[in-house]
Amino acid sequence: PRESEPSRSRPRLSSIFKAPEWALVAGILAVLAVIYVLDRDHAFYQSY
């Protein structure tokens, strides 16, 4: 029997979300959150 398309796409999606690059994204978001909390004037998030 041929494997259905949904079953084929599930491993691909799971492998994408298990990529080690997501740890880097999480680290960047954590650093941005810390800057937001510590920077009271929020100068870092100004448009310029």
All heavy atoms as atom14 arrays in JSON, in Angstrom:
{
  "sequence": "PRESEPSRSRPRLSSIFKAPEWALVAGILAVLAVIYVLDRDHAFYQSY",
  "atom14_mask": [
    [1, 1, 1, 1, 1, 1, 1, 0, 0, 0, 0, 0, 0, 0],
    [1, 1, 1, 1, 1, 1, 1, 1, 1, 1, 1, 0, 0, 0],
    [1, 1, 1, 1, 1, 1, 1, 1, 1, 0, 0, 0, 0, 0],
    [1, 1, 1, 1, 1, 1, 0, 0, 0, 0, 0, 0, 0, 0],
    [1, 1, 1, 1, 1, 1, 1, 1, 1, 0, 0, 0, 0, 0],
    [1, 1, 1, 1, 1, 1, 1, 0, 0, 0, 0, 0, 0, 0],
    [1, 1, 1, 1, 1, 1, 0, 0, 0, 0, 0, 0, 0, 0],
    [1, 1, 1, 1, 1, 1, 1, 1, 1, 1, 1, 0, 0, 0],
    [1, 1, 1, 1, 1, 1, 0, 0, 0, 0, 0, 0, 0, 0],
    [1, 1, 1, 1, 1, 1, 1, 1, 1, 1, 1, 0, 0, 0],
    [1, 1, 1, 1, 1, 1, 1, 0, 0, 0, 0, 0, 0, 0],
    [1, 1, 1, 1, 1, 1, 1, 1, 1, 1, 1, 0, 0, 0],
    [1, 1, 1, 1, 1, 1, 1, 1, 0, 0, 0, 0, 0, 0],
    [1, 1, 1, 1, 1, 1, 0, 0, 0, 0, 0, 0, 0, 0],
    [1, 1, 1, 1, 1, 1, 0, 0, 0, 0, 0, 0, 0, 0],
    [1, 1, 1, 1, 1, 1, 1, 1, 0, 0, 0, 0, 0, 0],
    [1, 1, 1, 1, 1, 1, 1, 1, 1, 1, 1, 0, 0, 0],
    [1, 1, 1, 1, 1, 1, 1, 1, 1, 0, 0, 0, 0, 0],
    [1, 1, 1, 1, 1, 0, 0, 0, 0, 0, 0, 0, 0, 0],
    [1, 1, 1, 1, 1, 1, 1, 0, 0, 0, 0, 0, 0, 0],
    [1, 1, 1, 1, 1, 1, 1, 1, 1, 0, 0, 0, 0, 0],
    [1, 1, 1, 1, 1, 1, 1, 1, 1, 1, 1, 1, 1, 1],
    [1, 1, 1, 1, 1, 0, 0, 0, 0, 0, 0, 0, 0, 0],
    [1, 1, 1, 1, 1, 1, 1, 1, 0, 0, 0, 0, 0, 0],
    [1, 1, 1, 1, 1, 1, 1, 0, 0, 0, 0, 0, 0, 0],
    [1, 1, 1, 1, 1, 0, 0, 0, 0, 0, 0, 0, 0, 0],
    [1, 1, 1, 1, 0, 0, 0, 0, 0, 0, 0, 0, 0, 0],
    [1, 1, 1, 1, 1, 1, 1, 1, 0, 0, 0, 0, 0, 0],
    [1, 1, 1, 1, 1, 1, 1, 1, 0, 0, 0, 0, 0, 0],
    [1, 1, 1, 1, 1, 0, 0, 0, 0, 0, 0, 0, 0, 0],
    [1, 1, 1, 1, 1, 1, 1, 0, 0, 0, 0, 0, 0, 0],
    [1, 1, 1, 1, 1, 1, 1, 1, 0, 0, 0, 0, 0, 0],
    [1, 1, 1, 1, 1, 0, 0, 0, 0, 0, 0, 0, 0, 0],
    [1, 1, 1, 1, 1, 1, 1, 0, 0, 0, 0, 0, 0, 0],
    [1, 1, 1, 1, 1, 1, 1, 1, 0, 0, 0, 0, 0, 0],
    [1, 1, 1, 1, 1, 1, 1, 1, 1, 1, 1, 1, 0, 0],
    [1, 1, 1, 1, 1, 1, 1, 0, 0, 0, 0, 0, 0, 0],
    [1, 1, 1, 1, 1, 1, 1, 1, 0, 0, 0, 0, 0, 0],
    [1, 1, 1, 1, 1, 1, 1, 1, 0, 0, 0, 0, 0, 0],
    [1, 1, 1, 1, 1, 1, 1, 1, 1, 1, 1, 0, 0, 0],
    [1, 1, 1, 1, 1, 1, 1, 1, 0, 0, 0, 0, 0, 0],
    [1, 1, 1, 1, 1, 1, 1, 1, 1, 1, 0, 0, 0, 0],
    [1, 1, 1, 1, 1, 0, 0, 0, 0, 0, 0, 0, 0, 0],
    [1, 1, 1, 1, 1, 1, 1, 1, 1, 1, 1, 0, 0, 0],
    [1, 1, 1, 1, 1, 1, 1, 1, 1, 1, 1, 1, 0, 0],
    [1, 1, 1, 1, 1, 1, 1, 1, 1, 0, 0, 0, 0, 0],
    [1, 1, 1, 1, 1, 1, 0, 0, 0, 0, 0, 0, 0, 0],
    [1, 1, 1, 1, 1, 1, 1, 1, 1, 1, 1, 1, 0, 0]
  ],
  "atom14_positions": [
    [[0.83, -1.2, 0.0], [0.0, 0.0, 0.0], [0.87, 1.25, 0.0], [1.87, 1.34, 0.7], [-0.81, -0.13, 1.29], [0.02, -1.0, 2.17], [0.7, -1.97, 1.27], [0.0, 0.0, 0.0], [0.0, 0.0, 0.0], [0.0, 0.0, 0.0], [0.0, 0.0, 0.0], [0.0, 0.0, 0.0], [0.0, 0.0, 0.0], [0.0, 0.0, 0.0]],
    [[0.45, 2.22, -0.76], [1.18, 3.47, -0.86], [0.92, 4.32, 0.37], [-0.19, 4.38, 0.89], [0.78, 4.23, -2.12], [1.13, 3.51, -3.4], [0.73, 4.32, -4.6], [1.41, 5.61, -4.6], [1.2, 6.54, -5.52], [0.28, 6.34, -6.48], [1.86, 7.67, -5.47], [0.0, 0.0, 0.0], [0.0, 0.0, 0.0], [0.0, 0.0, 0.0]],
    [[1.96, 4.99, 0.82], [1.83, 5.83, 2.0], [1.06, 7.09, 1.63], [1.29, 7.7, 0.6], [3.22, 6.2, 2.51], [3.19, 6.89, 3.86], [4.6, 7.16, 4.35], [5.53, 6.85, 3.59], [4.74, 7.7, 5.45], [0.0, 0.0, 0.0], [0.0, 0.0, 0.0], [0.0, 0.0, 0.0], [0.0, 0.0, 0.0], [0.0, 0.0, 0.0]],
    [[0.1, 7.46, 2.46], [-0.73, 8.63, 2.17], [0.09, 9.9, 2.31], [1.1, 9.96, 3.01], [-1.93, 8.66, 3.12], [-1.5, 8.76, 4.46], [0.0, 0.0, 0.0], [0.0, 0.0, 0.0], [0.0, 0.0, 0.0], [0.0, 0.0, 0.0], [0.0, 0.0, 0.0], [0.0, 0.0, 0.0], [0.0, 0.0, 0.0], [0.0, 0.0, 0.0]],
    [[-0.41, 10.97, 1.67], [0.29, 12.26, 1.7], [0.34, 12.86, 3.1], [1.37, 13.4, 3.5], [-0.39, 13.24, 0.73], [-0.21, 12.87, -0.72], [1.25, 12.94, -1.14], [2.0, 13.73, -0.56], [1.63, 12.17, -2.03], [0.0, 0.0, 0.0], [0.0, 0.0, 0.0], [0.0, 0.0, 0.0], [0.0, 0.0, 0.0], [0.0, 0.0, 0.0]],
    [[-0.75, 12.82, 3.9], [-0.66, 13.37, 5.26], [0.41, 12.7, 6.1], [1.11, 13.34, 6.86], [-2.06, 13.17, 5.84], [-2.96, 13.11, 4.63], [-2.14, 12.43, 3.59], [0.0, 0.0, 0.0], [0.0, 0.0, 0.0], [0.0, 0.0, 0.0], [0.0, 0.0, 0.0], [0.0, 0.0, 0.0], [0.0, 0.0, 0.0], [0.0, 0.0, 0.0]],
    [[0.54, 11.34, 5.96], [1.53, 10.64, 6.76], [2.94, 10.98, 6.31], [3.88, 10.93, 7.1], [1.31, 9.13, 6.66], [1.42, 8.71, 5.3], [0.0, 0.0, 0.0], [0.0, 0.0, 0.0], [0.0, 0.0, 0.0], [0.0, 0.0, 0.0], [0.0, 0.0, 0.0], [0.0, 0.0, 0.0], [0.0, 0.0, 0.0], [0.0, 0.0, 0.0]],
    [[3.09, 11.32, 5.04], [4.41, 11.74, 4.56], [4.78, 13.12, 5.07], [5.93, 13.4, 5.38], [4.43, 11.75, 3.03], [4.4, 10.38, 2.39], [4.47, 10.52, 0.88], [4.42, 9.23, 0.22], [4.46, 9.08, -1.11], [4.52, 10.15, -1.89], [4.41, 7.88, -1.64], [0.0, 0.0, 0.0], [0.0, 0.0, 0.0], [0.0, 0.0, 0.0]],
    [[3.8, 14.01, 5.14], [4.08, 15.39, 5.55], [4.35, 15.51, 7.04], [5.06, 16.41, 7.47], [2.93, 16.31, 5.15], [1.73, 15.89, 5.79], [0.0, 0.0, 0.0], [0.0, 0.0, 0.0], [0.0, 0.0, 0.0], [0.0, 0.0, 0.0], [0.0, 0.0, 0.0], [0.0, 0.0, 0.0], [0.0, 0.0, 0.0], [0.0, 0.0, 0.0]],
    [[3.78, 14.58, 7.86], [3.97, 14.68, 9.31], [5.43, 14.54, 9.71], [5.92, 15.33, 10.51], [3.11, 13.63, 10.01], [1.62, 13.95, 9.98], [0.81, 12.79, 10.53], [-0.63, 13.03, 10.36], [-1.55, 12.12, 10.61], [-1.18, 10.9, 11.03], [-2.83, 12.4, 10.43], [0.0, 0.0, 0.0], [0.0, 0.0, 0.0], [0.0, 0.0, 0.0]],
    [[6.18, 13.54, 9.21], [7.6, 13.47, 9.59], [8.38, 14.7, 9.15], [9.28, 15.15, 9.86], [8.1, 12.21, 8.88], [6.88, 11.39, 8.64], [5.79, 12.38, 8.4], [0.0, 0.0, 0.0], [0.0, 0.0, 0.0], [0.0, 0.0, 0.0], [0.0, 0.0, 0.0], [0.0, 0.0, 0.0], [0.0, 0.0, 0.0], [0.0, 0.0, 0.0]],
    [[8.03, 15.24, 7.99], [8.74, 16.43, 7.53], [8.5, 17.6, 8.46], [9.42, 18.33, 8.81], [8.31, 16.78, 6.11], [8.71, 15.73, 5.07], [8.23, 16.13, 3.69], [8.57, 15.12, 2.69], [8.23, 15.2, 1.42], [7.53, 16.25, 0.99], [8.58, 14.25, 0.58], [0.0, 0.0, 0.0], [0.0, 0.0, 0.0], [0.0, 0.0, 0.0]],
    [[7.24, 17.81, 8.86], [6.93, 18.92, 9.76], [7.59, 18.73, 11.12], [8.12, 19.67, 11.7], [5.42, 19.05, 9.92], [4.64, 19.51, 8.68], [3.15, 19.49, 8.96], [5.08, 20.9, 8.25], [0.0, 0.0, 0.0], [0.0, 0.0, 0.0], [0.0, 0.0, 0.0], [0.0, 0.0, 0.0], [0.0, 0.0, 0.0], [0.0, 0.0, 0.0]],
    [[7.58, 17.49, 11.61], [8.2, 17.24, 12.92], [9.7, 17.44, 12.86], [10.31, 17.95, 13.81], [7.88, 15.81, 13.38], [8.39, 14.86, 12.45], [0.0, 0.0, 0.0], [0.0, 0.0, 0.0], [0.0, 0.0, 0.0], [0.0, 0.0, 0.0], [0.0, 0.0, 0.0], [0.0, 0.0, 0.0], [0.0, 0.0, 0.0], [0.0, 0.0, 0.0]],
    [[10.33, 17.07, 11.73], [11.77, 17.27, 11.62], [12.12, 18.75, 11.54], [13.17, 19.18, 12.03], [12.3, 16.55, 10.38], [11.71, 17.07, 9.19], [0.0, 0.0, 0.0], [0.0, 0.0, 0.0], [0.0, 0.0, 0.0], [0.0, 0.0, 0.0], [0.0, 0.0, 0.0], [0.0, 0.0, 0.0], [0.0, 0.0, 0.0], [0.0, 0.0, 0.0]],
    [[11.24, 19.54, 10.92], [11.49, 20.99, 10.86], [11.48, 21.6, 12.25], [12.36, 22.39, 12.61], [10.44, 21.66, 9.95], [10.65, 21.25, 8.49], [10.5, 23.18, 10.09], [9.58, 21.79, 7.55], [0.0, 0.0, 0.0], [0.0, 0.0, 0.0], [0.0, 0.0, 0.0], [0.0, 0.0, 0.0], [0.0, 0.0, 0.0], [0.0, 0.0, 0.0]],
    [[10.5, 21.23, 13.07], [10.39, 21.82, 14.4], [11.41, 21.23, 15.37], [11.61, 21.78, 16.45], [8.98, 21.63, 14.95], [7.95, 22.5, 14.28], [7.06, 21.97, 13.35], [7.9, 23.86, 14.55], [6.12, 22.78, 12.72], [6.97, 24.68, 13.93], [6.08, 24.14, 13.01], [0.0, 0.0, 0.0], [0.0, 0.0, 0.0], [0.0, 0.0, 0.0]],
    [[12.06, 20.13, 15.01], [13.11, 19.56, 15.84], [14.49, 20.05, 15.45], [15.49, 19.61, 16.02], [13.06, 18.02, 15.76], [11.85, 17.4, 16.44], [11.91, 15.88, 16.33], [10.7, 15.25, 17.0], [10.71, 13.76, 16.88], [0.0, 0.0, 0.0], [0.0, 0.0, 0.0], [0.0, 0.0, 0.0], [0.0, 0.0, 0.0], [0.0, 0.0, 0.0]],
    [[14.56, 20.93, 14.48], [15.86, 21.44, 14.01], [16.56, 22.2, 15.13], [15.92, 22.88, 15.93], [15.66, 22.35, 12.79], [0.0, 0.0, 0.0], [0.0, 0.0, 0.0], [0.0, 0.0, 0.0], [0.0, 0.0, 0.0], [0.0, 0.0, 0.0], [0.0, 0.0, 0.0], [0.0, 0.0, 0.0], [0.0, 0.0, 0.0], [0.0, 0.0, 0.0]],
    [[17.9, 22.08, 15.22], [18.63, 22.78, 16.29], [18.58, 24.29, 16.18], [18.86, 24.99, 17.16], [20.07, 22.26, 16.12], [20.15, 21.8, 14.69], [18.78, 21.27, 14.36], [0.0, 0.0, 0.0], [0.0, 0.0, 0.0], [0.0, 0.0, 0.0], [0.0, 0.0, 0.0], [0.0, 0.0, 0.0], [0.0, 0.0, 0.0], [0.0, 0.0, 0.0]],
    [[18.22, 24.82, 15.0], [18.15, 26.27, 14.85], [17.07, 26.9, 15.74], [17.16, 28.1, 16.06], [17.88, 26.64, 13.4], [19.05, 26.44, 12.46], [19.23, 24.98, 12.08], [18.34, 24.15, 12.39], [20.26, 24.66, 11.47], [0.0, 0.0, 0.0], [0.0, 0.0, 0.0], [0.0, 0.0, 0.0], [0.0, 0.0, 0.0], [0.0, 0.0, 0.0]],
    [[16.07, 26.1, 16.14], [15.02, 26.65, 17.0], [15.58, 27.03, 18.36], [15.06, 27.94, 19.03], [13.88, 25.65, 17.15], [13.02, 25.55, 15.93], [12.99, 24.54, 15.02], [12.08, 26.52, 15.47], [12.1, 24.81, 14.02], [11.52, 26.03, 14.27], [11.66, 27.75, 15.95], [10.56, 26.72, 13.56], [10.7, 28.46, 15.24], [10.16, 27.94, 14.06]],
    [[16.64, 26.35, 18.81], [17.27, 26.75, 20.08], [17.9, 28.13, 19.95], [17.85, 28.93, 20.89], [18.33, 25.71, 20.46], [0.0, 0.0, 0.0], [0.0, 0.0, 0.0], [0.0, 0.0, 0.0], [0.0, 0.0, 0.0], [0.0, 0.0, 0.0], [0.0, 0.0, 0.0], [0.0, 0.0, 0.0], [0.0, 0.0, 0.0], [0.0, 0.0, 0.0]],
    [[18.47, 28.42, 18.79], [19.03, 29.75, 18.56], [17.93, 30.81, 18.54], [18.1, 31.9, 19.12], [19.79, 29.76, 17.23], [20.41, 31.09, 16.8], [21.43, 31.56, 17.83], [21.06, 30.96, 15.43], [0.0, 0.0, 0.0], [0.0, 0.0, 0.0], [0.0, 0.0, 0.0], [0.0, 0.0, 0.0], [0.0, 0.0, 0.0], [0.0, 0.0, 0.0]],
    [[16.8, 30.49, 17.9], [15.67, 31.43, 17.88], [15.17, 31.69, 19.3], [14.89, 32.84, 19.68], [14.54, 30.88, 16.99], [13.31, 31.77, 17.08], [15.01, 30.77, 15.55], [0.0, 0.0, 0.0], [0.0, 0.0, 0.0], [0.0, 0.0, 0.0], [0.0, 0.0, 0.0], [0.0, 0.0, 0.0], [0.0, 0.0, 0.0], [0.0, 0.0, 0.0]],
    [[15.06, 30.63, 20.09], [14.6, 30.79, 21.47], [15.59, 31.63, 22.27], [15.18, 32.47, 23.09], [14.44, 29.41, 22.12], [0.0, 0.0, 0.0], [0.0, 0.0, 0.0], [0.0, 0.0, 0.0], [0.0, 0.0, 0.0], [0.0, 0.0, 0.0], [0.0, 0.0, 0.0], [0.0, 0.0, 0.0], [0.0, 0.0, 0.0], [0.0, 0.0, 0.0]],
    [[16.89, 31.44, 22.05], [17.89, 32.25, 22.75], [17.8, 33.72, 22.39], [17.91, 34.6, 23.25], [0.0, 0.0, 0.0], [0.0, 0.0, 0.0], [0.0, 0.0, 0.0], [0.0, 0.0, 0.0], [0.0, 0.0, 0.0], [0.0, 0.0, 0.0], [0.0, 0.0, 0.0], [0.0, 0.0, 0.0], [0.0, 0.0, 0.0], [0.0, 0.0, 0.0]],
    [[17.58, 34.0, 21.09], [17.44, 35.4, 20.65], [16.21, 36.04, 21.28], [16.26, 37.19, 21.76], [17.38, 35.47, 19.12], [18.71, 35.03, 18.51], [17.02, 36.87, 18.65], [18.7, 34.94, 17.01], [0.0, 0.0, 0.0], [0.0, 0.0, 0.0], [0.0, 0.0, 0.0], [0.0, 0.0, 0.0], [0.0, 0.0, 0.0], [0.0, 0.0, 0.0]],
    [[15.1, 35.32, 21.3], [13.88, 35.85, 21.92], [14.07, 36.09, 23.41], [13.56, 37.09, 23.96], [12.72, 34.88, 21.68], [12.26, 34.73, 20.22], [11.15, 33.69, 20.12], [11.78, 36.07, 19.66], [0.0, 0.0, 0.0], [0.0, 0.0, 0.0], [0.0, 0.0, 0.0], [0.0, 0.0, 0.0], [0.0, 0.0, 0.0], [0.0, 0.0, 0.0]],
    [[14.81, 35.2, 24.07], [15.06, 35.39, 25.5], [15.9, 36.64, 25.75], [15.63, 37.42, 26.68], [15.77, 34.16, 26.07], [0.0, 0.0, 0.0], [0.0, 0.0, 0.0], [0.0, 0.0, 0.0], [0.0, 0.0, 0.0], [0.0, 0.0, 0.0], [0.0, 0.0, 0.0], [0.0, 0.0, 0.0], [0.0, 0.0, 0.0], [0.0, 0.0, 0.0]],
    [[16.92, 36.86, 24.91], [17.76, 38.06, 25.06], [16.94, 39.32, 24.82], [17.06, 40.31, 25.55], [18.95, 37.98, 24.09], [19.7, 39.32, 24.07], [19.89, 36.86, 24.49], [0.0, 0.0, 0.0], [0.0, 0.0, 0.0], [0.0, 0.0, 0.0], [0.0, 0.0, 0.0], [0.0, 0.0, 0.0], [0.0, 0.0, 0.0], [0.0, 0.0, 0.0]],
    [[16.07, 39.3, 23.8], [15.23, 40.46, 23.53], [14.27, 40.74, 24.69], [14.01, 41.91, 25.02], [14.44, 40.23, 22.24], [15.25, 40.19, 20.95], [14.36, 39.85, 19.77], [15.97, 41.51, 20.72], [0.0, 0.0, 0.0], [0.0, 0.0, 0.0], [0.0, 0.0, 0.0], [0.0, 0.0, 0.0], [0.0, 0.0, 0.0], [0.0, 0.0, 0.0]],
    [[13.77, 39.68, 25.31], [12.88, 39.86, 26.46], [13.63, 40.47, 27.64], [13.11, 41.35, 28.34], [12.26, 38.52, 26.85], [0.0, 0.0, 0.0], [0.0, 0.0, 0.0], [0.0, 0.0, 0.0], [0.0, 0.0, 0.0], [0.0, 0.0, 0.0], [0.0, 0.0, 0.0], [0.0, 0.0, 0.0], [0.0, 0.0, 0.0], [0.0, 0.0, 0.0]],
    [[14.87, 40.02, 27.86], [15.67, 40.58, 28.96], [15.96, 42.06, 28.7], [15.89, 42.89, 29.62], [16.97, 39.77, 29.12], [17.92, 40.47, 30.09], [16.67, 38.36, 29.6], [0.0, 0.0, 0.0], [0.0, 0.0, 0.0], [0.0, 0.0, 0.0], [0.0, 0.0, 0.0], [0.0, 0.0, 0.0], [0.0, 0.0, 0.0], [0.0, 0.0, 0.0]],
    [[16.29, 42.4, 27.45], [16.54, 43.81, 27.12], [15.29, 44.65, 27.35], [15.36, 45.78, 27.87], [17.01, 43.92, 25.66], [18.38, 43.27, 25.49], [17.07, 45.39, 25.22], [18.86, 43.23, 24.06], [0.0, 0.0, 0.0], [0.0, 0.0, 0.0], [0.0, 0.0, 0.0], [0.0, 0.0, 0.0], [0.0, 0.0, 0.0], [0.0, 0.0, 0.0]],
    [[14.15, 44.11, 27.0], [12.9, 44.84, 27.17], [12.62, 45.1, 28.65], [12.13, 46.17, 29.03], [11.74, 44.06, 26.55], [10.41, 44.77, 26.62], [10.07, 45.74, 25.69], [9.5, 44.47, 27.63], [8.86, 46.4, 25.75], [8.28, 45.12, 27.71], [7.96, 46.09, 26.77], [6.77, 46.74, 26.84], [0.0, 0.0, 0.0], [0.0, 0.0, 0.0]],
    [[12.95, 44.14, 29.49], [12.68, 44.3, 30.93], [13.68, 45.26, 31.56], [13.31, 46.12, 32.38], [12.73, 42.92, 31.62], [12.65, 43.08, 33.14], [11.59, 42.04, 31.12], [0.0, 0.0, 0.0], [0.0, 0.0, 0.0], [0.0, 0.0, 0.0], [0.0, 0.0, 0.0], [0.0, 0.0, 0.0], [0.0, 0.0, 0.0], [0.0, 0.0, 0.0]],
    [[14.96, 45.15, 31.2], [15.99, 45.96, 31.84], [16.05, 47.38, 31.3], [16.44, 48.3, 32.03], [17.36, 45.28, 31.67], [17.51, 43.91, 32.32], [18.92, 43.36, 32.07], [17.24, 43.98, 33.83], [0.0, 0.0, 0.0], [0.0, 0.0, 0.0], [0.0, 0.0, 0.0], [0.0, 0.0, 0.0], [0.0, 0.0, 0.0], [0.0, 0.0, 0.0]],
    [[15.71, 47.56, 30.03], [15.75, 48.9, 29.44], [14.45, 49.63, 29.76], [13.44, 49.47, 29.07], [15.96, 48.78, 27.93], [16.16, 50.14, 27.28], [16.33, 51.13, 28.01], [16.13, 50.21, 26.03], [0.0, 0.0, 0.0], [0.0, 0.0, 0.0], [0.0, 0.0, 0.0], [0.0, 0.0, 0.0], [0.0, 0.0, 0.0], [0.0, 0.0, 0.0]],
    [[14.48, 50.46, 30.79], [13.25, 51.12, 31.24], [12.75, 52.14, 30.23], [11.55, 52.35, 30.09], [13.5, 51.78, 32.59], [13.84, 50.79, 33.71], [14.06, 51.51, 35.03], [14.34, 50.56, 36.11], [14.58, 50.91, 37.37], [14.55, 52.22, 37.7], [14.85, 50.0, 38.28], [0.0, 0.0, 0.0], [0.0, 0.0, 0.0], [0.0, 0.0, 0.0]],
    [[13.68, 52.8, 29.53], [13.28, 53.8, 28.54], [12.91, 53.18, 27.19], [12.43, 53.89, 26.31], [14.42, 54.81, 28.33], [14.74, 55.58, 29.6], [13.82, 55.75, 30.41], [15.91, 55.98, 29.76], [0.0, 0.0, 0.0], [0.0, 0.0, 0.0], [0.0, 0.0, 0.0], [0.0, 0.0, 0.0], [0.0, 0.0, 0.0], [0.0, 0.0, 0.0]],
    [[13.18, 51.89, 27.04], [12.9, 51.18, 25.79], [13.55, 51.86, 24.58], [12.97, 51.94, 23.49], [11.38, 51.04, 25.56], [10.68, 50.32, 26.66], [10.93, 49.01, 26.99], [9.72, 50.74, 27.54], [10.17, 48.64, 28.0], [9.42, 49.67, 28.37], [0.0, 0.0, 0.0], [0.0, 0.0, 0.0], [0.0, 0.0, 0.0], [0.0, 0.0, 0.0]],
    [[14.76, 52.37, 24.82], [15.49, 53.02, 23.72], [15.89, 52.02, 22.64], [15.99, 52.37, 21.46], [16.74, 53.72, 24.27], [0.0, 0.0, 0.0], [0.0, 0.0, 0.0], [0.0, 0.0, 0.0], [0.0, 0.0, 0.0], [0.0, 0.0, 0.0], [0.0, 0.0, 0.0], [0.0, 0.0, 0.0], [0.0, 0.0, 0.0], [0.0, 0.0, 0.0]],
    [[16.11, 50.78, 23.05], [16.51, 49.76, 22.08], [15.41, 49.5, 21.06], [15.69, 49.15, 19.9], [16.86, 48.46, 22.81], [17.32, 47.36, 21.91], [18.63, 47.32, 21.44], [16.45, 46.36, 21.5], [19.05, 46.3, 20.59], [16.86, 45.35, 20.66], [18.17, 45.31, 20.22], [0.0, 0.0, 0.0], [0.0, 0.0, 0.0], [0.0, 0.0, 0.0]],
    [[14.16, 49.67, 21.45], [13.04, 49.35, 20.58], [12.47, 50.58, 19.87], [11.39, 50.51, 19.3], [11.93, 48.66, 21.38], [12.31, 47.27, 21.83], [12.81, 47.05, 23.11], [12.21, 46.19, 20.97], [13.18, 45.77, 23.52], [12.57, 44.91, 21.37], [13.06, 44.71, 22.64], [13.42, 43.46, 23.04], [0.0, 0.0, 0.0], [0.0, 0.0, 0.0]],
    [[13.18, 51.68, 19.92], [12.75, 52.84, 19.15], [12.99, 52.61, 17.67], [13.79, 51.76, 17.26], [13.51, 54.09, 19.62], [13.14, 54.52, 21.03], [13.88, 55.75, 21.47], [14.7, 56.29, 20.73], [13.61, 56.23, 22.68], [0.0, 0.0, 0.0], [0.0, 0.0, 0.0], [0.0, 0.0, 0.0], [0.0, 0.0, 0.0], [0.0, 0.0, 0.0]],
    [[12.28, 53.37, 16.85], [12.3, 53.13, 15.41], [13.7, 53.26, 14.82], [14.12, 52.43, 13.99], [11.35, 54.1, 14.7], [11.73, 55.45, 14.96], [0.0, 0.0, 0.0], [0.0, 0.0, 0.0], [0.0, 0.0, 0.0], [0.0, 0.0, 0.0], [0.0, 0.0, 0.0], [0.0, 0.0, 0.0], [0.0, 0.0, 0.0], [0.0, 0.0, 0.0]],
    [[14.46, 54.26, 15.27], [15.8, 54.44, 14.71], [16.71, 53.27, 15.07], [17.48, 52.78, 14.23], [16.41, 55.75, 15.23], [17.82, 55.99, 14.75], [18.07, 56.45, 13.46], [18.92, 55.75, 15.59], [19.36, 56.66, 13.01], [20.21, 55.95, 15.15], [20.43, 56.4, 13.85], [21.71, 56.6, 13.41], [0.0, 0.0, 0.0], [0.0, 0.0, 0.0]]
  ]
}
